[in-house]
Every structure is written in C-alpha cells, then in structure tokens.
Amino acid sequence: MSHPSSHGTADGLSPTGMTPQEELAYTLFMHRSSGVALLALGALVWGDRLTRRRHGIFRGGIGLCWLAFGAFLFVRSDVEGWPIGPAGFLESFSMPTAGEWLQHKVLSLIPVTLGIWTFTPLYRQTQARWSYALGALIALGAGGLLLHMHLDHPMMDIVNIQHRFMALTAFLVAFGSVADGSATLTWKVKPWLVPGGLFVLGLQLVLYVE
C-alpha cells in the first residue's frame, strides 16, 4: 500500500513521472488489490479453522497467499524507488520519500514471515508462546499503520483516518492471535477473531477512497 510523492515538477509530473490522475489510479490499485488479498486470506483461514486444519490445501493456500502478498508489496510499493523505480537501492535512501519507502519495505516482510511460518511444523501447534509471537508480529504491522504518515497527506484527512481504522482492525487480528493461545479465554467466537479481522481489514482496503 503506497502513496507516490505528489511533489510535482515544472511539467506537472511528480518524481515518479506520473500525472496526478495516474498516481490516484496507482494508489487505489495498491490498496484495493491488497484488500482482495486479505479477503482471500480471511476465507482460507476461516476454511482452515472450520475443518480443524485437517486439509493441507488450506494451509498451502494461506502460505502462498501470504508470500505473494508480501512480495507484491515489496516490489510494487513506491514506484519512485528501488526495485522498480528510477532510483537505485542506495539512491532510494536519499529520496524525499525515503522514510515511506523504507517503512513499506520493512512492513512487507511481515506477510512474508507469516507465509514462511505457515509452511513450518509449528503452524499446527497452538502453544501460547507461538500465538503470542505471531500476535506481536501482527501488532508490529498494526503499529506501523497507526504511525505511518505520507508527505502528501501530512494532516489527519480522510486518507489518514482510514489508515487509523485499518490499524485498529489489525490490532484486533493481533489480539485474536494472542487469544488463540490463551487457555483462560474460552469465548466461542475466539477461533473466528483472526479470519473475521482479516475480512474486515480486507473490506476496508477494497472500499478505500481518496
């Protein structure tokens, strides 16, 4: 999920070479495609839990979806910087949007990590320590969303308000992961907090506007 820099040049183009209309189309595509990925993940996690993790096809789908989602964010976010933008790797650290670029790259590693974890034997374990570790990892991403600001949206406008609600939903997913490993929480809805949170977050992204 990304916002290209809107600091234009004399010809009306931003440093990305895009017009304002192209930038808007790009950022809507990034947010909404991310939403589709999270809706798919929510459905897969829901199916996996509904079948009590007996079918490997759900596990494989979840892992591949997380990996593809993380790779997509890593490569496609920030069209002005490395790896797809005109700025090289070292040059990207001196861009006006270097902070955003670096945050996006670091945060994209979270879904990659979740994808790798899904393919390990630990995935089938419900030990509290692993649930807490996953919850902490997801909360890290939620914190990134909560604190993340873009140069072209410095005020608390509709864009940042939407991101704050997304962050709160991500914290719900993190809490659901922690609850999975807690023996003291016996709520009937507990197994559905994570997939439900993914669904809500996916809907927020699919309906994202500027």
Protein backbone atom coordinates (compact mmCIF):
# COMPACT_ATOMS: atom_id res chain seq x y z
CA MET A 1 0.00 0.00 0.00
CA SER A 2 1.58 3.22 -1.08
CA HIS A 3 1.14 6.85 -1.97
CA PRO A 4 3.56 8.15 -4.60
CA SER A 5 5.01 11.53 -3.79
CA SER A 6 2.88 14.35 -5.13
CA HIS A 7 5.61 16.98 -5.14
CA GLY A 8 5.39 17.90 -8.80
CA THR A 9 7.89 19.26 -11.26
CA ALA A 10 7.53 22.15 -13.69
CA ASP A 11 5.82 19.94 -16.27
CA GLY A 12 3.16 18.85 -13.80
CA LEU A 13 4.62 15.39 -13.27
CA SER A 14 5.74 14.03 -9.92
CA PRO A 15 9.22 12.50 -9.40
CA THR A 16 7.62 9.18 -10.38
CA GLY A 17 6.85 10.50 -13.86
CA MET A 18 3.13 10.06 -13.21
CA THR A 19 0.35 12.58 -13.63
CA PRO A 20 -1.91 13.20 -10.59
CA GLN A 21 -4.59 11.05 -12.22
CA GLU A 22 -2.13 8.19 -12.74
CA GLU A 23 -0.94 8.48 -9.14
CA LEU A 24 -4.51 8.29 -7.87
CA ALA A 25 -5.19 5.21 -10.00
CA TYR A 26 -1.97 3.62 -8.74
CA THR A 27 -2.65 4.15 -5.04
CA LEU A 28 -6.24 2.94 -5.38
CA PHE A 29 -4.97 -0.16 -7.17
CA MET A 30 -2.42 -0.87 -4.42
CA HIS A 31 -4.93 -0.51 -1.60
CA ARG A 32 -7.77 -2.37 -3.26
CA SER A 33 -5.65 -5.23 -4.54
CA SER A 34 -4.25 -5.59 -1.02
CA GLY A 35 -7.84 -5.77 0.19
CA VAL A 36 -8.61 -8.60 -2.24
CA ALA A 37 -5.57 -10.49 -0.93
CA LEU A 38 -6.74 -10.11 2.67
CA LEU A 39 -10.27 -11.18 1.80
CA ALA A 40 -8.81 -14.31 0.21
CA LEU A 41 -6.67 -14.91 3.30
CA GLY A 42 -9.67 -14.46 5.57
CA ALA A 43 -11.61 -17.06 3.56
CA LEU A 44 -8.70 -19.52 3.62
CA VAL A 45 -8.08 -19.10 7.35
CA TRP A 46 -11.81 -19.48 8.01
CA GLY A 47 -11.91 -22.69 5.98
CA ASP A 48 -8.79 -24.00 7.68
CA ARG A 49 -10.26 -23.47 11.14
CA LEU A 50 -13.68 -24.75 10.15
CA THR A 51 -12.09 -28.05 9.06
CA ARG A 52 -9.80 -28.10 12.14
CA ARG A 53 -6.70 -27.84 9.94
CA ARG A 54 -7.22 -31.31 8.51
CA HIS A 55 -6.78 -30.32 4.86
CA GLY A 56 -3.37 -29.26 3.63
CA ILE A 57 -4.86 -27.33 0.72
CA PHE A 58 -5.93 -24.56 3.10
CA ARG A 59 -2.52 -24.42 4.73
CA GLY A 60 -0.81 -24.28 1.34
CA GLY A 61 -3.19 -21.60 0.12
CA ILE A 62 -2.66 -19.48 3.21
CA GLY A 63 1.13 -19.75 2.97
CA LEU A 64 1.26 -18.97 -0.74
CA CYS A 65 -1.17 -16.08 -0.35
CA TRP A 66 0.89 -14.50 2.43
CA LEU A 67 4.11 -14.91 0.44
CA ALA A 68 2.60 -13.50 -2.74
CA PHE A 69 1.06 -10.60 -0.84
CA GLY A 70 4.36 -9.71 0.83
CA ALA A 71 6.31 -9.98 -2.42
CA PHE A 72 3.72 -7.82 -4.19
CA LEU A 73 4.01 -5.09 -1.56
CA PHE A 74 7.80 -5.27 -1.52
CA VAL A 75 8.13 -4.90 -5.28
CA ARG A 76 5.19 -2.69 -6.24
CA SER A 77 5.07 -0.13 -3.42
CA ASP A 78 6.86 3.18 -4.04
CA VAL A 79 7.24 3.42 -7.81
CA GLU A 80 9.90 6.12 -7.43
CA GLY A 81 12.33 3.89 -5.51
CA TRP A 82 14.10 0.54 -5.73
CA PRO A 83 13.38 -2.09 -7.03
CA ILE A 84 11.03 -0.84 -9.77
CA GLY A 85 11.56 2.92 -9.68
CA PRO A 86 14.16 5.13 -11.35
CA ALA A 87 16.14 5.44 -8.10
CA GLY A 88 18.59 2.64 -7.36
CA PHE A 89 18.92 0.91 -4.00
CA LEU A 90 21.37 3.38 -2.46
CA GLU A 91 19.71 6.38 -4.12
CA SER A 92 16.39 5.39 -2.55
CA PHE A 93 17.75 6.22 0.91
CA SER A 94 18.17 9.88 -0.12
CA MET A 95 14.75 10.33 -1.79
CA PRO A 96 12.35 12.86 -0.22
CA THR A 97 10.09 9.87 0.46
CA ALA A 98 12.90 7.63 1.77
CA GLY A 99 11.15 7.19 5.13
CA GLU A 100 7.97 5.94 3.49
CA TRP A 101 9.94 3.73 1.11
CA LEU A 102 11.87 2.09 3.95
CA GLN A 103 8.74 1.59 6.08
CA HIS A 104 6.93 -0.07 3.19
CA LYS A 105 9.82 -2.46 2.54
CA VAL A 106 10.15 -3.42 6.21
CA LEU A 107 6.40 -3.85 6.72
CA SER A 108 6.14 -6.02 3.58
CA LEU A 109 8.40 -8.55 5.33
CA ILE A 110 5.64 -9.25 7.88
CA PRO A 111 3.35 -11.14 5.44
CA VAL A 112 6.43 -12.88 4.02
CA THR A 113 7.32 -14.06 7.54
CA LEU A 114 3.75 -15.22 8.13
CA GLY A 115 3.88 -17.16 4.86
CA ILE A 116 7.11 -18.90 5.79
CA TRP A 117 5.77 -19.73 9.25
CA THR A 118 2.66 -21.31 7.72
CA PHE A 119 4.81 -23.91 5.98
CA THR A 120 6.66 -24.91 9.18
CA PRO A 121 5.52 -27.71 11.52
CA LEU A 122 4.87 -25.03 14.17
CA TYR A 123 1.77 -23.94 12.24
CA ARG A 124 -0.28 -26.82 13.64
CA GLN A 125 0.74 -26.06 17.22
CA THR A 126 -1.45 -23.91 19.47
CA GLN A 127 1.15 -23.26 22.15
CA ALA A 128 0.75 -19.89 23.81
CA ARG A 129 4.28 -18.71 23.03
CA TRP A 130 3.81 -19.08 19.28
CA SER A 131 0.40 -17.41 19.35
CA TYR A 132 1.88 -14.55 21.35
CA ALA A 133 4.82 -14.24 18.97
CA LEU A 134 2.51 -14.09 15.97
CA GLY A 135 0.31 -11.58 17.76
CA ALA A 136 3.34 -9.39 18.46
CA LEU A 137 4.40 -9.59 14.80
CA ILE A 138 0.94 -8.59 13.58
CA ALA A 139 0.77 -5.83 16.20
CA LEU A 140 4.06 -4.51 14.84
CA GLY A 141 2.42 -4.13 11.45
CA ALA A 142 -0.64 -2.52 13.05
CA GLY A 143 1.63 -0.06 14.85
CA GLY A 144 3.28 0.76 11.55
CA LEU A 145 -0.13 1.57 10.07
CA LEU A 146 -1.02 3.66 13.11
CA LEU A 147 2.13 5.79 12.94
CA HIS A 148 2.58 5.85 9.18
CA MET A 149 2.25 9.26 7.52
CA HIS A 150 2.81 10.34 3.91
CA LEU A 151 4.40 13.58 2.77
CA ASP A 152 1.42 14.35 0.56
CA HIS A 153 -1.03 13.72 3.43
CA PRO A 154 0.51 15.47 6.46
CA MET A 155 -2.82 16.21 8.18
CA MET A 156 -5.47 13.94 9.66
CA ASP A 157 -7.53 13.83 6.45
CA ILE A 158 -9.75 11.06 5.06
CA VAL A 159 -6.69 9.08 3.93
CA ASN A 160 -5.07 9.02 7.38
CA ILE A 161 -8.39 8.45 9.15
CA GLN A 162 -8.92 5.33 7.02
CA HIS A 163 -5.43 4.10 7.85
CA ARG A 164 -6.09 4.57 11.57
CA PHE A 165 -9.22 2.41 11.34
CA MET A 166 -7.19 -0.19 9.41
CA ALA A 167 -4.61 -0.13 12.19
CA LEU A 168 -7.30 -0.75 14.83
CA THR A 169 -8.59 -3.72 12.81
CA ALA A 170 -5.04 -5.08 12.51
CA PHE A 171 -4.72 -4.83 16.30
CA LEU A 172 -7.91 -6.91 16.52
CA VAL A 173 -6.24 -9.58 14.35
CA ALA A 174 -3.19 -9.45 16.64
CA PHE A 175 -5.43 -9.86 19.70
CA GLY A 176 -7.14 -12.80 18.01
CA SER A 177 -3.80 -14.48 17.53
CA VAL A 178 -2.91 -13.98 21.20
CA ALA A 179 -6.35 -15.26 22.23
CA ASP A 180 -5.76 -18.43 20.19
CA GLY A 181 -3.01 -19.45 22.58
CA SER A 182 -4.71 -18.35 25.79
CA ALA A 183 -6.21 -21.14 27.85
CA THR A 184 -8.06 -18.65 30.05
CA LEU A 185 -10.10 -17.24 27.16
CA THR A 186 -12.83 -19.70 26.26
CA TRP A 187 -15.06 -17.50 24.12
CA LYS A 188 -16.94 -19.35 21.41
CA VAL A 189 -16.01 -16.60 18.93
CA LYS A 190 -12.29 -16.90 19.71
CA PRO A 191 -11.35 -19.07 16.69
CA TRP A 192 -13.03 -16.60 14.34
CA LEU A 193 -11.37 -13.39 15.54
CA VAL A 194 -8.40 -13.73 13.18
CA PRO A 195 -10.30 -14.61 9.99
CA GLY A 196 -13.03 -12.12 10.88
CA GLY A 197 -10.45 -9.39 11.40
CA LEU A 198 -8.82 -10.22 8.07
CA PHE A 199 -12.21 -9.96 6.35
CA VAL A 200 -12.92 -6.55 7.90
CA LEU A 201 -9.44 -5.26 7.04
CA GLY A 202 -9.84 -6.55 3.51
CA LEU A 203 -13.18 -4.75 3.15
CA GLN A 204 -11.67 -1.53 4.46
CA LEU A 205 -8.99 -1.71 1.78
CA VAL A 206 -11.34 -2.72 -1.02
CA LEU A 207 -13.57 0.27 -0.17
CA TYR A 208 -10.63 2.66 0.24
CA VAL A 209 -11.12 6.15 -1.24
CA GLU A 210 -9.18 9.39 -1.53
